[in-house]
């Protein structure tokens, strides 16, 4: 079997080191990989869902809310809120987001995607922006960035 991503390669090497996979498994897989490991994508890209698949998903979610006893208008609002939260967590821009909010959200989402806890990622982005700001503007920039992060979290 060939590797499909760098993260899969790292996972196999880690499992091999822990003894969860037999020794030589990752090397054997690497030999079957057509591209060099360095040219593989970081993560495997999954195809986008088709309209029919999205419709099935939405119908299943709405049916589940109905089973739980929610009237349809409330179910739609709950579903919309959940999807908005997921989109915000992934760093997608939401209606009403400013350019700065989108940049902060994407930066935080990238760090979270790399395995950093959300609160720590927000602190890192805040500190990076503070370091880039001039000393006399530091308090104003800190307040603005803190508000951007709070607003980004409220919209999610």
Protein backbone atom coordinates (compact mmCIF):
# COMPACT_ATOMS: atom_id res chain seq x y z
CA UNK A 1 0.00 0.00 0.00
CA UNK A 2 1.35 3.47 -0.82
CA UNK A 3 1.25 6.44 1.52
CA UNK A 4 -1.26 9.12 0.53
CA UNK A 5 0.03 11.95 2.76
CA UNK A 6 2.90 13.09 4.94
CA UNK A 7 0.71 12.86 8.04
CA UNK A 8 -0.06 9.20 7.28
CA UNK A 9 3.68 8.54 6.96
CA UNK A 10 4.35 10.22 10.34
CA UNK A 11 1.52 8.25 11.94
CA UNK A 12 2.92 4.94 10.72
CA UNK A 13 6.44 5.81 11.89
CA UNK A 14 5.12 6.81 15.34
CA UNK A 15 3.06 3.62 15.65
CA UNK A 16 6.04 1.58 14.54
CA UNK A 17 8.22 3.23 17.20
CA UNK A 18 5.59 2.45 19.88
CA UNK A 19 5.38 -1.16 18.75
CA UNK A 20 1.79 -0.85 17.49
CA UNK A 21 2.91 -1.78 13.96
CA UNK A 22 5.52 -4.39 12.96
CA UNK A 23 9.02 -3.03 12.27
CA UNK A 24 9.57 -2.20 8.60
CA UNK A 25 5.92 -1.52 7.81
CA UNK A 26 6.47 2.18 7.09
CA UNK A 27 9.55 1.44 4.96
CA UNK A 28 7.59 -1.14 2.98
CA UNK A 29 4.77 1.34 2.40
CA UNK A 30 7.28 4.04 1.42
CA UNK A 31 8.71 1.74 -1.27
CA UNK A 32 5.22 1.35 -2.77
CA UNK A 33 4.61 5.12 -2.78
CA UNK A 34 5.05 6.47 -6.32
CA UNK A 35 5.92 10.05 -5.33
CA UNK A 36 8.75 10.93 -2.95
CA UNK A 37 7.39 11.46 0.59
CA UNK A 38 8.44 15.13 0.49
CA UNK A 39 6.14 15.69 -2.53
CA UNK A 40 3.06 14.20 -0.86
CA UNK A 41 0.36 16.55 0.45
CA UNK A 42 0.34 17.28 4.19
CA UNK A 43 -3.11 15.69 4.47
CA UNK A 44 -5.17 13.70 2.01
CA UNK A 45 -7.63 15.90 0.15
CA UNK A 46 -11.15 14.57 0.16
CA UNK A 47 -13.49 15.32 -2.72
CA UNK A 48 -16.14 17.93 -2.09
CA UNK A 49 -19.60 16.63 -1.31
CA UNK A 50 -22.11 16.65 -4.15
CA UNK A 51 -25.40 18.53 -3.89
CA UNK A 52 -27.22 15.19 -3.48
CA UNK A 53 -24.92 14.18 -0.60
CA UNK A 54 -25.47 17.54 1.10
CA UNK A 55 -29.24 17.18 0.70
CA UNK A 56 -29.11 13.70 2.27
CA UNK A 57 -27.05 15.06 5.18
CA UNK A 58 -29.40 17.99 5.78
CA UNK A 59 -32.48 15.75 5.61
CA UNK A 60 -30.92 13.28 8.05
CA UNK A 61 -30.09 16.12 10.47
CA UNK A 62 -33.60 17.55 10.21
CA UNK A 63 -35.12 14.08 10.74
CA UNK A 64 -32.97 13.66 13.84
CA UNK A 65 -34.14 17.00 15.26
CA UNK A 66 -37.75 15.94 14.55
CA UNK A 67 -37.15 12.67 16.45
CA UNK A 68 -35.90 14.74 19.38
CA UNK A 69 -39.16 16.69 19.33
CA UNK A 70 -38.01 20.02 17.88
CA UNK A 71 -40.48 21.83 15.60
CA UNK A 72 -39.13 22.43 12.08
CA UNK A 73 -38.40 26.19 12.45
CA UNK A 74 -36.39 25.59 15.63
CA UNK A 75 -34.65 22.59 14.06
CA UNK A 76 -33.58 24.75 11.11
CA UNK A 77 -32.16 27.41 13.44
CA UNK A 78 -30.28 24.80 15.50
CA UNK A 79 -28.88 23.21 12.36
CA UNK A 80 -27.82 26.61 10.97
CA UNK A 81 -26.15 27.48 14.30
CA UNK A 82 -24.23 24.21 14.39
CA UNK A 83 -23.05 24.56 10.78
CA UNK A 84 -22.04 28.18 11.38
CA UNK A 85 -20.02 27.14 14.45
CA UNK A 86 -18.28 24.38 12.49
CA UNK A 87 -17.52 26.75 9.60
CA UNK A 88 -16.14 29.34 12.03
CA UNK A 89 -14.00 26.74 13.80
CA UNK A 90 -12.55 25.76 10.44
CA UNK A 91 -11.70 29.38 9.66
CA UNK A 92 -14.27 30.01 6.93
CA UNK A 93 -15.46 33.60 6.69
CA UNK A 94 -18.98 34.26 7.90
CA UNK A 95 -21.34 37.02 6.78
CA UNK A 96 -20.37 40.28 8.45
CA UNK A 97 -16.76 39.29 9.15
CA UNK A 98 -14.19 42.02 8.59
CA UNK A 99 -10.96 41.28 6.73
CA UNK A 100 -9.02 41.32 10.01
CA UNK A 101 -11.46 38.90 11.63
CA UNK A 102 -11.10 36.48 8.72
CA UNK A 103 -7.29 36.64 8.94
CA UNK A 104 -7.34 36.02 12.71
CA UNK A 105 -9.84 33.17 12.38
CA UNK A 106 -7.85 31.48 9.61
CA UNK A 107 -4.61 31.82 11.54
CA UNK A 108 -6.20 30.35 14.68
CA UNK A 109 -7.84 27.55 12.66
CA UNK A 110 -4.50 26.69 11.07
CA UNK A 111 -2.81 26.37 14.45
CA UNK A 112 -5.72 24.31 15.82
CA UNK A 113 -5.49 22.09 12.72
CA UNK A 114 -1.82 21.51 13.55
CA UNK A 115 -2.86 20.24 17.00
CA UNK A 116 -2.63 23.35 19.18
CA UNK A 117 -5.46 23.94 21.68
CA UNK A 118 -7.78 26.79 20.60
CA UNK A 119 -7.06 29.08 23.60
CA UNK A 120 -3.32 28.66 23.10
CA UNK A 121 -3.66 29.36 19.36
CA UNK A 122 -5.57 32.56 20.07
CA UNK A 123 -2.87 33.64 22.53
CA UNK A 124 -0.12 32.92 19.98
CA UNK A 125 -1.84 34.98 17.28
CA UNK A 126 -2.40 37.79 19.77
CA UNK A 127 1.28 37.76 20.79
CA UNK A 128 2.51 37.66 17.18
CA UNK A 129 0.39 40.66 16.31
CA UNK A 130 1.57 42.49 19.43
CA UNK A 131 5.21 41.88 18.54
CA UNK A 132 4.62 43.30 15.06
CA UNK A 133 2.97 46.45 16.42
CA UNK A 134 4.97 49.48 17.45
CA UNK A 135 5.48 49.95 21.20
CA UNK A 136 3.37 53.12 21.47
CA UNK A 137 0.46 51.38 19.71
CA UNK A 138 0.67 48.20 21.78
CA UNK A 139 -2.29 48.84 24.12
CA UNK A 140 -4.57 49.93 21.28
CA UNK A 141 -3.57 46.97 19.10
CA UNK A 142 -4.01 44.52 21.99
CA UNK A 143 -7.53 45.78 22.65
CA UNK A 144 -8.42 45.62 18.96
CA UNK A 145 -7.08 42.07 18.52
CA UNK A 146 -8.77 40.90 21.73
CA UNK A 147 -12.06 42.32 20.46
CA UNK A 148 -11.54 40.66 17.07
CA UNK A 149 -10.97 37.29 18.74
CA UNK A 150 -13.99 37.77 21.01
CA UNK A 151 -16.15 38.78 18.04
CA UNK A 152 -14.90 35.84 16.00
CA UNK A 153 -15.82 33.49 18.85
CA UNK A 154 -19.24 35.12 19.30
CA UNK A 155 -20.07 34.68 15.63
CA UNK A 156 -19.09 31.03 15.80
